[in-house]
Amino acid sequence: MAGSGWASAGNFVKPFSDALTSLAKGTTETPVKSEFGYITSSCLEDSRPQRAGF
């Protein structure tokens, strides 16, 4: 098992980057196909700034 740690979604190939930005904390993405094969990811924590609800 490997982890990317804290990384910007823009550092990855587009299909994986798009999947990362749609993940919510505590969820696991279904496999995403990229030029490197299939990739899965889980969001254990979220370091993105939280938006205030108005």
PDB file of N, CA and C in Angstrom:
ATOM      1  N   MET A   1       0.826  -1.172   0.000  1.00  0.00           N
ATOM      2  CA  MET A   1       0.000   0.000   0.000  1.00  0.00           C
ATOM      3  C   MET A   1       0.877   1.244   0.000  1.00  0.00           C
ATOM      4  N   ALA A   2       0.516   2.203  -0.787  1.00  0.00           N
ATOM      5  CA  ALA A   2       1.277   3.448  -0.849  1.00  0.00           C
ATOM      6  C   ALA A   2       0.326   4.616  -0.671  1.00  0.00           C
ATOM      7  N   GLY A   3       0.861   5.730  -0.245  1.00  0.00           N
ATOM      8  CA  GLY A   3       0.035   6.920  -0.080  1.00  0.00           C
ATOM      9  C   GLY A   3       0.724   8.114  -0.695  1.00  0.00           C
ATOM     10  N   SER A   4      -0.068   9.032  -1.188  1.00  0.00           N
ATOM     11  CA  SER A   4       0.514  10.231  -1.785  1.00  0.00           C
ATOM     12  C   SER A   4       0.679  11.336  -0.745  1.00  0.00           C
ATOM     13  N   GLY A   5       0.164  11.118   0.460  1.00  0.00           N
ATOM     14  CA  GLY A   5       0.271  12.138   1.493  1.00  0.00           C
ATOM     15  C   GLY A   5      -0.530  13.368   1.108  1.00  0.00           C
ATOM     16  N   TRP A   6      -0.058  14.548   1.532  1.00  0.00           N
ATOM     17  CA  TRP A   6      -0.729  15.798   1.182  1.00  0.00           C
ATOM     18  C   TRP A   6      -0.182  16.256  -0.153  1.00  0.00           C
ATOM     19  N   ALA A   7      -1.009  16.232  -1.159  1.00  0.00           N
ATOM     20  CA  ALA A   7      -0.591  16.640  -2.492  1.00  0.00           C
ATOM     21  C   ALA A   7      -1.731  17.377  -3.176  1.00  0.00           C
ATOM     22  N   SER A   8      -1.385  18.299  -4.037  1.00  0.00           N
ATOM     23  CA  SER A   8      -2.396  19.011  -4.819  1.00  0.00           C
ATOM     24  C   SER A   8      -2.914  18.103  -5.912  1.00  0.00           C
ATOM     25  N   ALA A   9      -4.211  18.124  -6.125  1.00  0.00           N
ATOM     26  CA  ALA A   9      -4.810  17.270  -7.151  1.00  0.00           C
ATOM     27  C   ALA A   9      -4.214  17.546  -8.524  1.00  0.00           C
ATOM     28  N   GLY A  10      -3.787  18.775  -8.783  1.00  0.00           N
ATOM     29  CA  GLY A  10      -3.213  19.129 -10.075  1.00  0.00           C
ATOM     30  C   GLY A  10      -1.878  18.473 -10.365  1.00  0.00           C
ATOM     31  N   ASN A  11      -1.315  17.762  -9.393  1.00  0.00           N
ATOM     32  CA  ASN A  11      -0.041  17.072  -9.587  1.00  0.00           C
ATOM     33  C   ASN A  11      -0.211  15.704 -10.231  1.00  0.00           C
ATOM     34  N   PHE A  12      -1.430  15.289 -10.505  1.00  0.00           N
ATOM     35  CA  PHE A  12      -1.702  13.962 -11.029  1.00  0.00           C
ATOM     36  C   PHE A  12      -2.321  14.058 -12.424  1.00  0.00           C
ATOM     37  N   VAL A  13      -2.391  12.915 -13.115  1.00  0.00           N
ATOM     38  CA  VAL A  13      -3.029  12.894 -14.433  1.00  0.00           C
ATOM     39  C   VAL A  13      -4.495  13.298 -14.266  1.00  0.00           C
ATOM     40  N   LYS A  14      -5.067  13.914 -15.305  1.00  0.00           N
ATOM     41  CA  LYS A  14      -6.398  14.523 -15.220  1.00  0.00           C
ATOM     42  C   LYS A  14      -7.489  13.590 -14.684  1.00  0.00           C
ATOM     43  N   PRO A  15      -7.632  12.356 -15.166  1.00  0.00           N
ATOM     44  CA  PRO A  15      -8.724  11.520 -14.638  1.00  0.00           C
ATOM     45  C   PRO A  15      -8.617  11.307 -13.120  1.00  0.00           C
ATOM     46  N   PHE A  16      -7.404  11.107 -12.623  1.00  0.00           N
ATOM     47  CA  PHE A  16      -7.209  10.900 -11.194  1.00  0.00           C
ATOM     48  C   PHE A  16      -7.385  12.207 -10.434  1.00  0.00           C
ATOM     49  N   SER A  17      -6.880  13.296 -10.987  1.00  0.00           N
ATOM     50  CA  SER A  17      -7.026  14.606 -10.367  1.00  0.00           C
ATOM     51  C   SER A  17      -8.506  14.971 -10.206  1.00  0.00           C
ATOM     52  N   ASP A  18      -9.292  14.724 -11.246  1.00  0.00           N
ATOM     53  CA  ASP A  18     -10.732  15.006 -11.184  1.00  0.00           C
ATOM     54  C   ASP A  18     -11.407  14.169 -10.097  1.00  0.00           C
ATOM     55  N   ALA A  19     -11.017  12.904  -9.991  1.00  0.00           N
ATOM     56  CA  ALA A  19     -11.598  12.026  -8.975  1.00  0.00           C
ATOM     57  C   ALA A  19     -11.220  12.498  -7.573  1.00  0.00           C
ATOM     58  N   LEU A  20      -9.983  12.943  -7.396  1.00  0.00           N
ATOM     59  CA  LEU A  20      -9.542  13.413  -6.081  1.00  0.00           C
ATOM     60  C   LEU A  20     -10.337  14.610  -5.600  1.00  0.00           C
ATOM     61  N   THR A  21     -10.592  15.544  -6.493  1.00  0.00           N
ATOM     62  CA  THR A  21     -11.298  16.757  -6.078  1.00  0.00           C
ATOM     63  C   THR A  21     -12.761  16.500  -5.752  1.00  0.00           C
ATOM     64  N   SER A  22     -13.295  15.354  -6.182  1.00  0.00           N
ATOM     65  CA  SER A  22     -14.700  15.055  -5.895  1.00  0.00           C
ATOM     66  C   SER A  22     -14.871  14.203  -4.637  1.00  0.00           C
ATOM     67  N   LEU A  23     -13.781  13.735  -4.046  1.00  0.00           N
ATOM     68  CA  LEU A  23     -13.875  12.886  -2.856  1.00  0.00           C
ATOM     69  C   LEU A  23     -14.276  13.683  -1.618  1.00  0.00           C
ATOM     70  N   ALA A  24     -15.122  13.100  -0.810  1.00  0.00           N
ATOM     71  CA  ALA A  24     -15.475  13.670   0.489  1.00  0.00           C
ATOM     72  C   ALA A  24     -14.739  12.882   1.563  1.00  0.00           C
ATOM     73  N   LYS A  25     -14.493  13.510   2.689  1.00  0.00           N
ATOM     74  CA  LYS A  25     -13.781  12.868   3.790  1.00  0.00           C
ATOM     75  C   LYS A  25     -14.478  11.567   4.185  1.00  0.00           C
ATOM     76  N   GLY A  26     -13.683  10.509   4.309  1.00  0.00           N
ATOM     77  CA  GLY A  26     -14.211   9.209   4.716  1.00  0.00           C
ATOM     78  C   GLY A  26     -14.733   8.355   3.581  1.00  0.00           C
ATOM     79  N   THR A  27     -14.539   8.787   2.326  1.00  0.00           N
ATOM     80  CA  THR A  27     -15.040   8.019   1.194  1.00  0.00           C
ATOM     81  C   THR A  27     -13.897   7.402   0.391  1.00  0.00           C
ATOM     82  N   THR A  28     -14.233   6.382  -0.389  1.00  0.00           N
ATOM     83  CA  THR A  28     -13.282   5.730  -1.284  1.00  0.00           C
ATOM     84  C   THR A  28     -13.831   5.823  -2.697  1.00  0.00           C
ATOM     85  N   GLU A  29     -12.961   6.216  -3.622  1.00  0.00           N
ATOM     86  CA  GLU A  29     -13.345   6.365  -5.025  1.00  0.00           C
ATOM     87  C   GLU A  29     -13.328   5.003  -5.710  1.00  0.00           C
ATOM     88  N   THR A  30     -14.249   4.810  -6.650  1.00  0.00           N
ATOM     89  CA  THR A  30     -14.191   3.608  -7.465  1.00  0.00           C
ATOM     90  C   THR A  30     -12.949   3.722  -8.345  1.00  0.00           C
ATOM     91  N   PRO A  31     -12.419   2.615  -8.857  1.00  0.00           N
ATOM     92  CA  PRO A  31     -11.202   2.692  -9.685  1.00  0.00           C
ATOM     93  C   PRO A  31     -11.374   3.665 -10.853  1.00  0.00           C
ATOM     94  N   VAL A  32     -10.329   4.452 -11.092  1.00  0.00           N
ATOM     95  CA  VAL A  32     -10.304   5.437 -12.174  1.00  0.00           C
ATOM     96  C   VAL A  32      -9.253   4.984 -13.171  1.00  0.00           C
ATOM     97  N   LYS A  33      -9.615   4.932 -14.444  1.00  0.00           N
ATOM     98  CA  LYS A  33      -8.662   4.505 -15.470  1.00  0.00           C
ATOM     99  C   LYS A  33      -7.865   5.708 -15.956  1.00  0.00           C
ATOM    100  N   SER A  34      -6.539   5.550 -16.012  1.00  0.00           N
ATOM    101  CA  SER A  34      -5.657   6.583 -16.547  1.00  0.00           C
ATOM    102  C   SER A  34      -4.663   5.913 -17.494  1.00  0.00           C
ATOM    103  N   GLU A  35      -3.770   6.697 -18.046  1.00  0.00           N
ATOM    104  CA  GLU A  35      -2.757   6.142 -18.943  1.00  0.00           C
ATOM    105  C   GLU A  35      -1.804   5.194 -18.210  1.00  0.00           C
ATOM    106  N   PHE A  36      -1.830   5.212 -16.870  1.00  0.00           N
ATOM    107  CA  PHE A  36      -0.953   4.366 -16.072  1.00  0.00           C
ATOM    108  C   PHE A  36      -1.662   3.136 -15.522  1.00  0.00           C
ATOM    109  N   GLY A  37      -2.921   2.953 -15.876  1.00  0.00           N
ATOM    110  CA  GLY A  37      -3.704   1.833 -15.376  1.00  0.00           C
ATOM    111  C   GLY A  37      -4.837   2.333 -14.505  1.00  0.00           C
ATOM    112  N   TYR A  38      -5.319   1.465 -13.633  1.00  0.00           N
ATOM    113  CA  TYR A  38      -6.418   1.832 -12.741  1.00  0.00           C
ATOM    114  C   TYR A  38      -5.874   2.305 -11.399  1.00  0.00           C
ATOM    115  N   ILE A  39      -6.487   3.346 -10.854  1.00  0.00           N
ATOM    116  CA  ILE A  39      -6.048   3.941  -9.603  1.00  0.00           C
ATOM    117  C   ILE A  39      -7.274   4.090  -8.703  1.00  0.00           C
ATOM    118  N   THR A  40      -7.118   3.765  -7.425  1.00  0.00           N
ATOM    119  CA  THR A  40      -8.173   4.022  -6.453  1.00  0.00           C
ATOM    120  C   THR A  40      -7.622   4.956  -5.388  1.00  0.00           C
ATOM    121  N   SER A  41      -8.500   5.644  -4.721  1.00  0.00           N
ATOM    122  CA  SER A  41      -8.059   6.546  -3.664  1.00  0.00           C
ATOM    123  C   SER A  41      -9.123   6.625  -2.574  1.00  0.00           C
ATOM    124  N   SER A  42      -8.657   6.980  -1.386  1.00  0.00           N
ATOM    125  CA  SER A  42      -9.537   7.205  -0.243  1.00  0.00           C
ATOM    126  C   SER A  42      -9.190   8.553   0.356  1.00  0.00           C
ATOM    127  N   CYS A  43     -10.178   9.222   0.878  1.00  0.00           N
ATOM    128  CA  CYS A  43      -9.958  10.499   1.547  1.00  0.00           C
ATOM    129  C   CYS A  43     -10.082  10.280   3.052  1.00  0.00           C
ATOM    130  N   LEU A  44      -8.937  10.251   3.741  1.00  0.00           N
ATOM    131  CA  LEU A  44      -8.932  10.055   5.185  1.00  0.00           C
ATOM    132  C   LEU A  44      -9.055  11.381   5.920  1.00  0.00           C
ATOM    133  N   GLU A  45      -8.461  12.419   5.359  1.00  0.00           N
ATOM    134  CA  GLU A  45      -8.528  13.766   5.911  1.00  0.00           C
ATOM    135  C   GLU A  45      -8.637  14.744   4.759  1.00  0.00           C
ATOM    136  N   ASP A  46      -9.082  15.954   5.038  1.00  0.00           N
ATOM    137  CA  ASP A  46      -9.239  16.965   3.998  1.00  0.00           C
ATOM    138  C   ASP A  46      -8.595  18.256   4.486  1.00  0.00           C
ATOM    139  N   SER A  47      -7.561  18.701   3.780  1.00  0.00           N
ATOM    140  CA  SER A  47      -6.845  19.920   4.199  1.00  0.00           C
ATOM    141  C   SER A  47      -7.338  21.163   3.459  1.00  0.00           C
ATOM    142  N   ARG A  48      -8.335  20.978   2.565  1.00  0.00           N
ATOM    143  CA  ARG A  48      -8.852  22.132   1.838  1.00  0.00           C
ATOM    144  C   ARG A  48      -9.582  23.063   2.791  1.00  0.00           C
ATOM    145  N   PRO A  49      -9.468  24.365   2.566  1.00  0.00           N
ATOM    146  CA  PRO A  49     -10.199  25.314   3.425  1.00  0.00           C
ATOM    147  C   PRO A  49     -11.698  25.069   3.342  1.00  0.00           C
ATOM    148  N   GLN A  50     -12.367  25.152   4.466  1.00  0.00           N
ATOM    149  CA  GLN A  50     -13.818  24.962   4.493  1.00  0.00           C
ATOM    150  C   GLN A  50     -14.502  26.265   4.127  1.00  0.00           C
ATOM    151  N   ARG A  51     -15.543  26.175   3.318  1.00  0.00           N
ATOM    152  CA  ARG A  51     -16.326  27.350   2.924  1.00  0.00           C
ATOM    153  C   ARG A  51     -17.384  27.615   3.987  1.00  0.00           C
ATOM    154  N   ALA A  52     -17.566  28.870   4.274  1.00  0.00           N
ATOM    155  CA  ALA A  52     -18.612  29.264   5.225  1.00  0.00           C
ATOM    156  C   ALA A  52     -19.965  29.199   4.536  1.00  0.00           C
ATOM    157  N   GLY A  53     -20.939  28.612   5.194  1.00  0.00           N
ATOM    158  CA  GLY A  53     -22.286  28.549   4.642  1.00  0.00           C
ATOM    159  C   GLY A  53     -23.058  29.818   4.954  1.00  0.00           C
ATOM    160  N   PHE A  54     -23.696  30.387   3.966  1.00  0.00           N
ATOM    161  CA  PHE A  54     -24.479  31.615   4.181  1.00  0.00           C
ATOM    162  C   PHE A  54     -25.925  31.344   3.883  1.00  0.00           C
TER     163      PHE A  54
END
